[in-house]
Amino acid sequence: IDEFRKWFTKHLKNELRDVDMRVIGS
């Protein structure tokens, strides 16, 4: 849970600039 919380805080915004769910899945 802690590691996914960190991912959400640190990395999600960059993924939202050009969303590709397959990339996020990888």
mmCIF file of all heavy atoms, coordinates in Angstrom:
data_MODEL
# 
_entry.id   MODEL 
# 
loop_
_atom_site.group_PDB 
_atom_site.id 
_atom_site.type_symbol 
_atom_site.label_atom_id 
_atom_site.label_alt_id 
_atom_site.label_comp_id 
_atom_site.label_asym_id 
_atom_site.label_entity_id 
_atom_site.label_seq_id 
_atom_site.pdbx_PDB_ins_code 
_atom_site.Cartn_x 
_atom_site.Cartn_y 
_atom_site.Cartn_z 
_atom_site.occupancy 
_atom_site.B_iso_or_equiv 
_atom_site.pdbx_formal_charge 
_atom_site.auth_seq_id 
_atom_site.auth_comp_id 
_atom_site.auth_asym_id 
_atom_site.auth_atom_id 
_atom_site.pdbx_PDB_model_num 
ATOM 1   N N   . ILE A 1 1  ? 0.836  -1.207 0.000   1.00 0.00 ? 1  ILE A N   1 
ATOM 2   C CA  . ILE A 1 1  ? 0.000  0.000  0.000   1.00 0.00 ? 1  ILE A CA  1 
ATOM 3   C C   . ILE A 1 1  ? 0.868  1.253  0.000   1.00 0.00 ? 1  ILE A C   1 
ATOM 4   O O   . ILE A 1 1  ? 0.616  2.209  -0.754  1.00 0.00 ? 1  ILE A O   1 
ATOM 5   C CB  . ILE A 1 1  ? -0.950 -0.008 1.210   1.00 0.00 ? 1  ILE A CB  1 
ATOM 6   C CG1 . ILE A 1 1  ? -1.972 -1.141 1.097   1.00 0.00 ? 1  ILE A CG1 1 
ATOM 7   C CG2 . ILE A 1 1  ? -1.647 1.346  1.347   1.00 0.00 ? 1  ILE A CG2 1 
ATOM 8   C CD1 . ILE A 1 1  ? -2.897 -1.064 -0.084  1.00 0.00 ? 1  ILE A CD1 1 
ATOM 9   N N   . ASP A 1 2  ? 1.902  1.280  0.819   1.00 0.00 ? 2  ASP A N   1 
ATOM 10  C CA  . ASP A 1 2  ? 2.775  2.448  0.901   1.00 0.00 ? 2  ASP A CA  1 
ATOM 11  C C   . ASP A 1 2  ? 3.470  2.726  -0.431  1.00 0.00 ? 2  ASP A C   1 
ATOM 12  O O   . ASP A 1 2  ? 3.606  3.890  -0.837  1.00 0.00 ? 2  ASP A O   1 
ATOM 13  C CB  . ASP A 1 2  ? 3.827  2.258  1.997   1.00 0.00 ? 2  ASP A CB  1 
ATOM 14  C CG  . ASP A 1 2  ? 3.253  2.387  3.387   1.00 0.00 ? 2  ASP A CG  1 
ATOM 15  O OD1 . ASP A 1 2  ? 2.133  2.918  3.521   1.00 0.00 ? 2  ASP A OD1 1 
ATOM 16  O OD2 . ASP A 1 2  ? 3.912  1.945  4.354   1.00 0.00 ? 2  ASP A OD2 1 
ATOM 17  N N   . GLU A 1 3  ? 3.912  1.675  -1.114  1.00 0.00 ? 3  GLU A N   1 
ATOM 18  C CA  . GLU A 1 3  ? 4.622  1.865  -2.374  1.00 0.00 ? 3  GLU A CA  1 
ATOM 19  C C   . GLU A 1 3  ? 3.691  2.378  -3.472  1.00 0.00 ? 3  GLU A C   1 
ATOM 20  O O   . GLU A 1 3  ? 4.074  3.237  -4.276  1.00 0.00 ? 3  GLU A O   1 
ATOM 21  C CB  . GLU A 1 3  ? 5.292  0.559  -2.812  1.00 0.00 ? 3  GLU A CB  1 
ATOM 22  C CG  . GLU A 1 3  ? 6.456  0.128  -1.923  1.00 0.00 ? 3  GLU A CG  1 
ATOM 23  C CD  . GLU A 1 3  ? 7.566  1.166  -1.883  1.00 0.00 ? 3  GLU A CD  1 
ATOM 24  O OE1 . GLU A 1 3  ? 7.871  1.762  -2.933  1.00 0.00 ? 3  GLU A OE1 1 
ATOM 25  O OE2 . GLU A 1 3  ? 8.126  1.392  -0.786  1.00 0.00 ? 3  GLU A OE2 1 
ATOM 26  N N   . PHE A 1 4  ? 2.461  1.902  -3.509  1.00 0.00 ? 4  PHE A N   1 
ATOM 27  C CA  . PHE A 1 4  ? 1.513  2.406  -4.505  1.00 0.00 ? 4  PHE A CA  1 
ATOM 28  C C   . PHE A 1 4  ? 1.058  3.823  -4.154  1.00 0.00 ? 4  PHE A C   1 
ATOM 29  O O   . PHE A 1 4  ? 0.788  4.632  -5.049  1.00 0.00 ? 4  PHE A O   1 
ATOM 30  C CB  . PHE A 1 4  ? 0.318  1.459  -4.651  1.00 0.00 ? 4  PHE A CB  1 
ATOM 31  C CG  . PHE A 1 4  ? 0.573  0.347  -5.631  1.00 0.00 ? 4  PHE A CG  1 
ATOM 32  C CD1 . PHE A 1 4  ? 1.161  -0.834 -5.215  1.00 0.00 ? 4  PHE A CD1 1 
ATOM 33  C CD2 . PHE A 1 4  ? 0.250  0.490  -6.964  1.00 0.00 ? 4  PHE A CD2 1 
ATOM 34  C CE1 . PHE A 1 4  ? 1.415  -1.860 -6.120  1.00 0.00 ? 4  PHE A CE1 1 
ATOM 35  C CE2 . PHE A 1 4  ? 0.493  -0.518 -7.874  1.00 0.00 ? 4  PHE A CE2 1 
ATOM 36  C CZ  . PHE A 1 4  ? 1.083  -1.706 -7.451  1.00 0.00 ? 4  PHE A CZ  1 
ATOM 37  N N   . ARG A 1 5  ? 0.986  4.141  -2.874  1.00 0.00 ? 5  ARG A N   1 
ATOM 38  C CA  . ARG A 1 5  ? 0.678  5.518  -2.470  1.00 0.00 ? 5  ARG A CA  1 
ATOM 39  C C   . ARG A 1 5  ? 1.774  6.465  -2.971  1.00 0.00 ? 5  ARG A C   1 
ATOM 40  O O   . ARG A 1 5  ? 1.480  7.540  -3.502  1.00 0.00 ? 5  ARG A O   1 
ATOM 41  C CB  . ARG A 1 5  ? 0.559  5.611  -0.956  1.00 0.00 ? 5  ARG A CB  1 
ATOM 42  C CG  . ARG A 1 5  ? 0.236  7.039  -0.461  1.00 0.00 ? 5  ARG A CG  1 
ATOM 43  C CD  . ARG A 1 5  ? 0.296  7.154  1.035   1.00 0.00 ? 5  ARG A CD  1 
ATOM 44  N NE  . ARG A 1 5  ? -0.800 6.475  1.694   1.00 0.00 ? 5  ARG A NE  1 
ATOM 45  C CZ  . ARG A 1 5  ? -0.693 5.392  2.433   1.00 0.00 ? 5  ARG A CZ  1 
ATOM 46  N NH1 . ARG A 1 5  ? 0.509  4.837  2.598   1.00 0.00 ? 5  ARG A NH1 1 
ATOM 47  N NH2 . ARG A 1 5  ? -1.731 4.838  3.010   1.00 0.00 ? 5  ARG A NH2 1 
ATOM 48  N N   . LYS A 1 6  ? 3.028  6.055  -2.824  1.00 0.00 ? 6  LYS A N   1 
ATOM 49  C CA  . LYS A 1 6  ? 4.139  6.868  -3.312  1.00 0.00 ? 6  LYS A CA  1 
ATOM 50  C C   . LYS A 1 6  ? 4.057  7.048  -4.826  1.00 0.00 ? 6  LYS A C   1 
ATOM 51  O O   . LYS A 1 6  ? 4.308  8.145  -5.346  1.00 0.00 ? 6  LYS A O   1 
ATOM 52  C CB  . LYS A 1 6  ? 5.479  6.213  -2.934  1.00 0.00 ? 6  LYS A CB  1 
ATOM 53  C CG  . LYS A 1 6  ? 5.793  6.236  -1.458  1.00 0.00 ? 6  LYS A CG  1 
ATOM 54  C CD  . LYS A 1 6  ? 7.075  5.461  -1.174  1.00 0.00 ? 6  LYS A CD  1 
ATOM 55  C CE  . LYS A 1 6  ? 7.345  5.326  0.311   1.00 0.00 ? 6  LYS A CE  1 
ATOM 56  N NZ  . LYS A 1 6  ? 8.529  4.460  0.572   1.00 0.00 ? 6  LYS A NZ  1 
ATOM 57  N N   . TRP A 1 7  ? 3.723  5.974  -5.522  1.00 0.00 ? 7  TRP A N   1 
ATOM 58  C CA  . TRP A 1 7  ? 3.599  6.068  -6.989  1.00 0.00 ? 7  TRP A CA  1 
ATOM 59  C C   . TRP A 1 7  ? 2.515  7.079  -7.366  1.00 0.00 ? 7  TRP A C   1 
ATOM 60  O O   . TRP A 1 7  ? 2.713  7.911  -8.261  1.00 0.00 ? 7  TRP A O   1 
ATOM 61  C CB  . TRP A 1 7  ? 3.258  4.697  -7.584  1.00 0.00 ? 7  TRP A CB  1 
ATOM 62  C CG  . TRP A 1 7  ? 3.127  4.735  -9.077  1.00 0.00 ? 7  TRP A CG  1 
ATOM 63  C CD1 . TRP A 1 7  ? 4.112  4.553  -10.002 1.00 0.00 ? 7  TRP A CD1 1 
ATOM 64  C CD2 . TRP A 1 7  ? 1.929  5.022  -9.820  1.00 0.00 ? 7  TRP A CD2 1 
ATOM 65  N NE1 . TRP A 1 7  ? 3.610  4.706  -11.277 1.00 0.00 ? 7  TRP A NE1 1 
ATOM 66  C CE2 . TRP A 1 7  ? 2.273  4.994  -11.188 1.00 0.00 ? 7  TRP A CE2 1 
ATOM 67  C CE3 . TRP A 1 7  ? 0.613  5.298  -9.459  1.00 0.00 ? 7  TRP A CE3 1 
ATOM 68  C CZ2 . TRP A 1 7  ? 1.347  5.232  -12.196 1.00 0.00 ? 7  TRP A CZ2 1 
ATOM 69  C CZ3 . TRP A 1 7  ? -0.310 5.541  -10.465 1.00 0.00 ? 7  TRP A CZ3 1 
ATOM 70  C CH2 . TRP A 1 7  ? 0.048  5.501  -11.809 1.00 0.00 ? 7  TRP A CH2 1 
ATOM 71  N N   . PHE A 1 8  ? 1.392  7.012  -6.682  1.00 0.00 ? 8  PHE A N   1 
ATOM 72  C CA  . PHE A 1 8  ? 0.282  7.919  -6.970  1.00 0.00 ? 8  PHE A CA  1 
ATOM 73  C C   . PHE A 1 8  ? 0.720  9.362  -6.773  1.00 0.00 ? 8  PHE A C   1 
ATOM 74  O O   . PHE A 1 8  ? 0.425  10.238 -7.598  1.00 0.00 ? 8  PHE A O   1 
ATOM 75  C CB  . PHE A 1 8  ? -0.899 7.583  -6.056  1.00 0.00 ? 8  PHE A CB  1 
ATOM 76  C CG  . PHE A 1 8  ? -2.163 8.340  -6.355  1.00 0.00 ? 8  PHE A CG  1 
ATOM 77  C CD1 . PHE A 1 8  ? -3.136 7.794  -7.168  1.00 0.00 ? 8  PHE A CD1 1 
ATOM 78  C CD2 . PHE A 1 8  ? -2.386 9.601  -5.805  1.00 0.00 ? 8  PHE A CD2 1 
ATOM 79  C CE1 . PHE A 1 8  ? -4.313 8.492  -7.440  1.00 0.00 ? 8  PHE A CE1 1 
ATOM 80  C CE2 . PHE A 1 8  ? -3.552 10.299 -6.068  1.00 0.00 ? 8  PHE A CE2 1 
ATOM 81  C CZ  . PHE A 1 8  ? -4.511 9.742  -6.894  1.00 0.00 ? 8  PHE A CZ  1 
ATOM 82  N N   . THR A 1 9  ? 1.445  9.625  -5.700  1.00 0.00 ? 9  THR A N   1 
ATOM 83  C CA  . THR A 1 9  ? 1.862  10.987 -5.360  1.00 0.00 ? 9  THR A CA  1 
ATOM 84  C C   . THR A 1 9  ? 2.944  11.511 -6.292  1.00 0.00 ? 9  THR A C   1 
ATOM 85  O O   . THR A 1 9  ? 2.904  12.660 -6.737  1.00 0.00 ? 9  THR A O   1 
ATOM 86  C CB  . THR A 1 9  ? 2.365  11.034 -3.906  1.00 0.00 ? 9  THR A CB  1 
ATOM 87  O OG1 . THR A 1 9  ? 1.306  10.590 -3.034  1.00 0.00 ? 9  THR A OG1 1 
ATOM 88  C CG2 . THR A 1 9  ? 2.789  12.437 -3.520  1.00 0.00 ? 9  THR A CG2 1 
ATOM 89  N N   . LYS A 1 10 ? 3.904  10.651 -6.622  1.00 0.00 ? 10 LYS A N   1 
ATOM 90  C CA  . LYS A 1 10 ? 5.090  11.110 -7.337  1.00 0.00 ? 10 LYS A CA  1 
ATOM 91  C C   . LYS A 1 10 ? 4.990  11.004 -8.856  1.00 0.00 ? 10 LYS A C   1 
ATOM 92  O O   . LYS A 1 10 ? 5.592  11.797 -9.587  1.00 0.00 ? 10 LYS A O   1 
ATOM 93  C CB  . LYS A 1 10 ? 6.321  10.319 -6.873  1.00 0.00 ? 10 LYS A CB  1 
ATOM 94  C CG  . LYS A 1 10 ? 6.702  10.560 -5.424  1.00 0.00 ? 10 LYS A CG  1 
ATOM 95  C CD  . LYS A 1 10 ? 7.926  9.724  -5.052  1.00 0.00 ? 10 LYS A CD  1 
ATOM 96  C CE  . LYS A 1 10 ? 8.342  9.957  -3.617  1.00 0.00 ? 10 LYS A CE  1 
ATOM 97  N NZ  . LYS A 1 10 ? 9.524  9.136  -3.245  1.00 0.00 ? 10 LYS A NZ  1 
ATOM 98  N N   . HIS A 1 11 ? 4.256  10.014 -9.361  1.00 0.00 ? 11 HIS A N   1 
ATOM 99  C CA  . HIS A 1 11 ? 4.358  9.702  -10.785 1.00 0.00 ? 11 HIS A CA  1 
ATOM 100 C C   . HIS A 1 11 ? 3.057  9.838  -11.584 1.00 0.00 ? 11 HIS A C   1 
ATOM 101 O O   . HIS A 1 11 ? 3.097  9.947  -12.813 1.00 0.00 ? 11 HIS A O   1 
ATOM 102 C CB  . HIS A 1 11 ? 4.876  8.266  -10.955 1.00 0.00 ? 11 HIS A CB  1 
ATOM 103 C CG  . HIS A 1 11 ? 6.218  8.039  -10.328 1.00 0.00 ? 11 HIS A CG  1 
ATOM 104 N ND1 . HIS A 1 11 ? 7.359  8.646  -10.792 1.00 0.00 ? 11 HIS A ND1 1 
ATOM 105 C CD2 . HIS A 1 11 ? 6.581  7.269  -9.268  1.00 0.00 ? 11 HIS A CD2 1 
ATOM 106 C CE1 . HIS A 1 11 ? 8.385  8.264  -10.042 1.00 0.00 ? 11 HIS A CE1 1 
ATOM 107 N NE2 . HIS A 1 11 ? 7.940  7.441  -9.108  1.00 0.00 ? 11 HIS A NE2 1 
ATOM 108 N N   . LEU A 1 12 ? 1.912  9.815  -10.904 1.00 0.00 ? 12 LEU A N   1 
ATOM 109 C CA  . LEU A 1 12 ? 0.651  9.786  -11.651 1.00 0.00 ? 12 LEU A CA  1 
ATOM 110 C C   . LEU A 1 12 ? 0.467  11.017 -12.532 1.00 0.00 ? 12 LEU A C   1 
ATOM 111 O O   . LEU A 1 12 ? 0.032  10.911 -13.681 1.00 0.00 ? 12 LEU A O   1 
ATOM 112 C CB  . LEU A 1 12 ? -0.525 9.659  -10.681 1.00 0.00 ? 12 LEU A CB  1 
ATOM 113 C CG  . LEU A 1 12 ? -1.912 9.714  -11.341 1.00 0.00 ? 12 LEU A CG  1 
ATOM 114 C CD1 . LEU A 1 12 ? -2.082 8.593  -12.366 1.00 0.00 ? 12 LEU A CD1 1 
ATOM 115 C CD2 . LEU A 1 12 ? -3.011 9.656  -10.301 1.00 0.00 ? 12 LEU A CD2 1 
ATOM 116 N N   . LYS A 1 13 ? 0.785  12.201 -12.005 1.00 0.00 ? 13 LYS A N   1 
ATOM 117 C CA  . LYS A 1 13 ? 0.531  13.430 -12.760 1.00 0.00 ? 13 LYS A CA  1 
ATOM 118 C C   . LYS A 1 13 ? 1.218  13.404 -14.117 1.00 0.00 ? 13 LYS A C   1 
ATOM 119 O O   . LYS A 1 13 ? 0.643  13.843 -15.123 1.00 0.00 ? 13 LYS A O   1 
ATOM 120 C CB  . LYS A 1 13 ? 0.976  14.650 -11.960 1.00 0.00 ? 13 LYS A CB  1 
ATOM 121 C CG  . LYS A 1 13 ? 0.504  15.977 -12.557 1.00 0.00 ? 13 LYS A CG  1 
ATOM 122 C CD  . LYS A 1 13 ? 0.790  17.139 -11.608 1.00 0.00 ? 13 LYS A CD  1 
ATOM 123 C CE  . LYS A 1 13 ? 0.264  18.445 -12.184 1.00 0.00 ? 13 LYS A CE  1 
ATOM 124 N NZ  . LYS A 1 13 ? 0.498  19.580 -11.255 1.00 0.00 ? 13 LYS A NZ  1 
ATOM 125 N N   . ASN A 1 14 ? 2.435  12.879 -14.180 1.00 0.00 ? 14 ASN A N   1 
ATOM 126 C CA  . ASN A 1 14 ? 3.137  12.783 -15.461 1.00 0.00 ? 14 ASN A CA  1 
ATOM 127 C C   . ASN A 1 14 ? 2.404  11.858 -16.423 1.00 0.00 ? 14 ASN A C   1 
ATOM 128 O O   . ASN A 1 14 ? 2.352  12.116 -17.635 1.00 0.00 ? 14 ASN A O   1 
ATOM 129 C CB  . ASN A 1 14 ? 4.567  12.275 -15.251 1.00 0.00 ? 14 ASN A CB  1 
ATOM 130 C CG  . ASN A 1 14 ? 5.460  13.328 -14.619 1.00 0.00 ? 14 ASN A CG  1 
ATOM 131 O OD1 . ASN A 1 14 ? 5.214  14.528 -14.745 1.00 0.00 ? 14 ASN A OD1 1 
ATOM 132 N ND2 . ASN A 1 14 ? 6.493  12.883 -13.917 1.00 0.00 ? 14 ASN A ND2 1 
ATOM 133 N N   . GLU A 1 15 ? 1.832  10.784 -15.903 1.00 0.00 ? 15 GLU A N   1 
ATOM 134 C CA  . GLU A 1 15 ? 1.097  9.849  -16.764 1.00 0.00 ? 15 GLU A CA  1 
ATOM 135 C C   . GLU A 1 15 ? -0.172 10.492 -17.333 1.00 0.00 ? 15 GLU A C   1 
ATOM 136 O O   . GLU A 1 15 ? -0.624 10.128 -18.425 1.00 0.00 ? 15 GLU A O   1 
ATOM 137 C CB  . GLU A 1 15 ? 0.716  8.593  -15.971 1.00 0.00 ? 15 GLU A CB  1 
ATOM 138 C CG  . GLU A 1 15 ? 1.874  7.831  -15.382 1.00 0.00 ? 15 GLU A CG  1 
ATOM 139 C CD  . GLU A 1 15 ? 2.800  7.234  -16.423 1.00 0.00 ? 15 GLU A CD  1 
ATOM 140 O OE1 . GLU A 1 15 ? 2.367  7.035  -17.570 1.00 0.00 ? 15 GLU A OE1 1 
ATOM 141 O OE2 . GLU A 1 15 ? 3.972  6.973  -16.081 1.00 0.00 ? 15 GLU A OE2 1 
ATOM 142 N N   . LEU A 1 16 ? -0.724 11.464 -16.624 1.00 0.00 ? 16 LEU A N   1 
ATOM 143 C CA  . LEU A 1 16 ? -1.979 12.076 -17.052 1.00 0.00 ? 16 LEU A CA  1 
ATOM 144 C C   . LEU A 1 16 ? -1.800 13.076 -18.192 1.00 0.00 ? 16 LEU A C   1 
ATOM 145 O O   . LEU A 1 16 ? -2.776 13.480 -18.823 1.00 0.00 ? 16 LEU A O   1 
ATOM 146 C CB  . LEU A 1 16 ? -2.658 12.767 -15.870 1.00 0.00 ? 16 LEU A CB  1 
ATOM 147 C CG  . LEU A 1 16 ? -3.100 11.854 -14.724 1.00 0.00 ? 16 LEU A CG  1 
ATOM 148 C CD1 . LEU A 1 16 ? -3.711 12.680 -13.603 1.00 0.00 ? 16 LEU A CD1 1 
ATOM 149 C CD2 . LEU A 1 16 ? -4.082 10.805 -15.207 1.00 0.00 ? 16 LEU A CD2 1 
ATOM 150 N N   . ARG A 1 17 ? -0.579 13.472 -18.464 1.00 0.00 ? 17 ARG A N   1 
ATOM 151 C CA  . ARG A 1 17 ? -0.343 14.426 -19.559 1.00 0.00 ? 17 ARG A CA  1 
ATOM 152 C C   . ARG A 1 17 ? -0.602 13.793 -20.916 1.00 0.00 ? 17 ARG A C   1 
ATOM 153 O O   . ARG A 1 17 ? -0.978 14.474 -21.875 1.00 0.00 ? 17 ARG A O   1 
ATOM 154 C CB  . ARG A 1 17 ? 1.082  14.977 -19.471 1.00 0.00 ? 17 ARG A CB  1 
ATOM 155 C CG  . ARG A 1 17 ? 1.350  15.713 -18.145 1.00 0.00 ? 17 ARG A CG  1 
ATOM 156 C CD  . ARG A 1 17 ? 2.709  16.353 -18.118 1.00 0.00 ? 17 ARG A CD  1 
ATOM 157 N NE  . ARG A 1 17 ? 3.077  16.791 -16.771 1.00 0.00 ? 17 ARG A NE  1 
ATOM 158 C CZ  . ARG A 1 17 ? 2.607  17.876 -16.180 1.00 0.00 ? 17 ARG A CZ  1 
ATOM 159 N NH1 . ARG A 1 17 ? 1.742  18.651 -16.824 1.00 0.00 ? 17 ARG A NH1 1 
ATOM 160 N NH2 . ARG A 1 17 ? 2.987  18.201 -14.953 1.00 0.00 ? 17 ARG A NH2 1 
ATOM 161 N N   . ASP A 1 18 ? -0.382 12.506 -21.009 1.00 0.00 ? 18 ASP A N   1 
ATOM 162 C CA  . ASP A 1 18 ? -0.645 11.762 -22.252 1.00 0.00 ? 18 ASP A CA  1 
ATOM 163 C C   . ASP A 1 18 ? -0.998 10.340 -21.847 1.00 0.00 ? 18 ASP A C   1 
ATOM 164 O O   . ASP A 1 18 ? -0.145 9.455  -21.819 1.00 0.00 ? 18 ASP A O   1 
ATOM 165 C CB  . ASP A 1 18 ? 0.577  11.781 -23.165 1.00 0.00 ? 18 ASP A CB  1 
ATOM 166 C CG  . ASP A 1 18 ? 0.311  11.116 -24.508 1.00 0.00 ? 18 ASP A CG  1 
ATOM 167 O OD1 . ASP A 1 18 ? -0.869 10.912 -24.848 1.00 0.00 ? 18 ASP A OD1 1 
ATOM 168 O OD2 . ASP A 1 18 ? 1.289  10.775 -25.195 1.00 0.00 ? 18 ASP A OD2 1 
ATOM 169 N N   . VAL A 1 19 ? -2.272 10.112 -21.511 1.00 0.00 ? 19 VAL A N   1 
ATOM 170 C CA  . VAL A 1 19 ? -2.682 8.869  -20.875 1.00 0.00 ? 19 VAL A CA  1 
ATOM 171 C C   . VAL A 1 19 ? -2.607 7.688  -21.839 1.00 0.00 ? 19 VAL A C   1 
ATOM 172 O O   . VAL A 1 19 ? -3.147 7.730  -22.953 1.00 0.00 ? 19 VAL A O   1 
ATOM 173 C CB  . VAL A 1 19 ? -4.122 8.987  -20.323 1.00 0.00 ? 19 VAL A CB  1 
ATOM 174 C CG1 . VAL A 1 19 ? -4.575 7.649  -19.743 1.00 0.00 ? 19 VAL A CG1 1 
ATOM 175 C CG2 . VAL A 1 19 ? -4.198 10.084 -19.269 1.00 0.00 ? 19 VAL A CG2 1 
ATOM 176 N N   . ASP A 1 20 ? -1.910 6.647  -21.413 1.00 0.00 ? 20 ASP A N   1 
ATOM 177 C CA  . ASP A 1 20 ? -1.871 5.370  -22.119 1.00 0.00 ? 20 ASP A CA  1 
ATOM 178 C C   . ASP A 1 20 ? -1.966 4.289  -21.046 1.00 0.00 ? 20 ASP A C   1 
ATOM 179 O O   . ASP A 1 20 ? -1.007 4.025  -20.334 1.00 0.00 ? 20 ASP A O   1 
ATOM 180 C CB  . ASP A 1 20 ? -0.579 5.224  -22.928 1.00 0.00 ? 20 ASP A CB  1 
ATOM 181 C CG  . ASP A 1 20 ? -0.586 3.987  -23.819 1.00 0.00 ? 20 ASP A CG  1 
ATOM 182 O OD1 . ASP A 1 20 ? -1.183 2.973  -23.409 1.00 0.00 ? 20 ASP A OD1 1 
ATOM 183 O OD2 . ASP A 1 20 ? 0.023  4.029  -24.909 1.00 0.00 ? 20 ASP A OD2 1 
ATOM 184 N N   . MET A 1 21 ? -3.145 3.693  -20.907 1.00 0.00 ? 21 MET A N   1 
ATOM 185 C CA  . MET A 1 21 ? -3.370 2.735  -19.830 1.00 0.00 ? 21 MET A CA  1 
ATOM 186 C C   . MET A 1 21 ? -2.471 1.513  -19.959 1.00 0.00 ? 21 MET A C   1 
ATOM 187 O O   . MET A 1 21 ? -2.104 0.895  -18.953 1.00 0.00 ? 21 MET A O   1 
ATOM 188 C CB  . MET A 1 21 ? -4.839 2.319  -19.789 1.00 0.00 ? 21 MET A CB  1 
ATOM 189 C CG  . MET A 1 21 ? -5.804 3.478  -19.553 1.00 0.00 ? 21 MET A CG  1 
ATOM 190 S SD  . MET A 1 21 ? -5.473 4.406  -18.021 1.00 0.00 ? 21 MET A SD  1 
ATOM 191 C CE  . MET A 1 21 ? -6.356 3.418  -16.820 1.00 0.00 ? 21 MET A CE  1 
ATOM 192 N N   . ARG A 1 22 ? -2.086 1.151  -21.171 1.00 0.00 ? 22 ARG A N   1 
ATOM 193 C CA  . ARG A 1 22 ? -1.193 0.004  -21.334 1.00 0.00 ? 22 ARG A CA  1 
ATOM 194 C C   . ARG A 1 22 ? 0.186  0.323  -20.769 1.00 0.00 ? 22 ARG A C   1 
ATOM 195 O O   . ARG A 1 22 ? 0.826  -0.548 -20.172 1.00 0.00 ? 22 ARG A O   1 
ATOM 196 C CB  . ARG A 1 22 ? -1.085 -0.375 -22.815 1.00 0.00 ? 22 ARG A CB  1 
ATOM 197 C CG  . ARG A 1 22 ? -2.384 -0.928 -23.406 1.00 0.00 ? 22 ARG A CG  1 
ATOM 198 C CD  . ARG A 1 22 ? -2.277 -1.075 -24.895 1.00 0.00 ? 22 ARG A CD  1 
ATOM 199 N NE  . ARG A 1 22 ? -2.051 0.224  -25.542 1.00 0.00 ? 22 ARG A NE  1 
ATOM 200 C CZ  . ARG A 1 22 ? -1.860 0.387  -26.839 1.00 0.00 ? 22 ARG A CZ  1 
ATOM 201 N NH1 . ARG A 1 22 ? -1.853 -0.660 -27.644 1.00 0.00 ? 22 ARG A NH1 1 
ATOM 202 N NH2 . ARG A 1 22 ? -1.669 1.594  -27.342 1.00 0.00 ? 22 ARG A NH2 1 
ATOM 203 N N   . VAL A 1 23 ? 0.625  1.553  -20.934 1.00 0.00 ? 23 VAL A N   1 
ATOM 204 C CA  . VAL A 1 23 ? 1.910  1.963  -20.365 1.00 0.00 ? 23 VAL A CA  1 
ATOM 205 C C   . VAL A 1 23 ? 1.841  1.946  -18.839 1.00 0.00 ? 23 VAL A C   1 
ATOM 206 O O   . VAL A 1 23 ? 2.741  1.449  -18.158 1.00 0.00 ? 23 VAL A O   1 
ATOM 207 C CB  . VAL A 1 23 ? 2.319  3.360  -20.877 1.00 0.00 ? 23 VAL A CB  1 
ATOM 208 C CG1 . VAL A 1 23 ? 3.523  3.889  -20.101 1.00 0.00 ? 23 VAL A CG1 1 
ATOM 209 C CG2 . VAL A 1 23 ? 2.619  3.310  -22.375 1.00 0.00 ? 23 VAL A CG2 1 
ATOM 210 N N   . ILE A 1 24 ? 0.749  2.486  -18.302 1.00 0.00 ? 24 ILE A N   1 
ATOM 211 C CA  . ILE A 1 24 ? 0.574  2.471  -16.849 1.00 0.00 ? 24 ILE A CA  1 
ATOM 212 C C   . ILE A 1 24 ? 0.522  1.033  -16.344 1.00 0.00 ? 24 ILE A C   1 
ATOM 213 O O   . ILE A 1 24 ? 1.112  0.697  -15.307 1.00 0.00 ? 24 ILE A O   1 
ATOM 214 C CB  . ILE A 1 24 ? -0.692 3.248  -16.447 1.00 0.00 ? 24 ILE A CB  1 
ATOM 215 C CG1 . ILE A 1 24 ? -0.538 4.732  -16.789 1.00 0.00 ? 24 ILE A CG1 1 
ATOM 216 C CG2 . ILE A 1 24 ? -0.970 3.077  -14.947 1.00 0.00 ? 24 ILE A CG2 1 
ATOM 217 C CD1 . ILE A 1 24 ? -1.789 5.551  -16.557 1.00 0.00 ? 24 ILE A CD1 1 
ATOM 218 N N   . GLY A 1 25 ? -0.155 0.164  -17.085 1.00 0.00 ? 25 GLY A N   1 
ATOM 219 C CA  . GLY A 1 25 ? -0.218 -1.244 -16.698 1.00 0.00 ? 25 GLY A CA  1 
ATOM 220 C C   . GLY A 1 25 ? 1.156  -1.883 -16.639 1.00 0.00 ? 25 GLY A C   1 
ATOM 221 O O   . GLY A 1 25 ? 1.466  -2.646 -15.703 1.00 0.00 ? 25 GLY A O   1 
ATOM 222 N N   . SER A 1 26 ? 1.994  -1.568 -17.611 1.00 0.00 ? 26 SER A N   1 
ATOM 223 C CA  . SER A 1 26 ? 3.367  -2.101 -17.618 1.00 0.00 ? 26 SER A CA  1 
ATOM 224 C C   . SER A 1 26 ? 4.148  -1.588 -16.413 1.00 0.00 ? 26 SER A C   1 
ATOM 225 O O   . SER A 1 26 ? 4.915  -2.334 -15.783 1.00 0.00 ? 26 SER A O   1 
ATOM 226 C CB  . SER A 1 26 ? 4.083  -1.705 -18.913 1.00 0.00 ? 26 SER A CB  1 
ATOM 227 O OG  . SER A 1 26 ? 3.456  -2.281 -20.031 1.00 0.00 ? 26 SER A OG  1 
# 
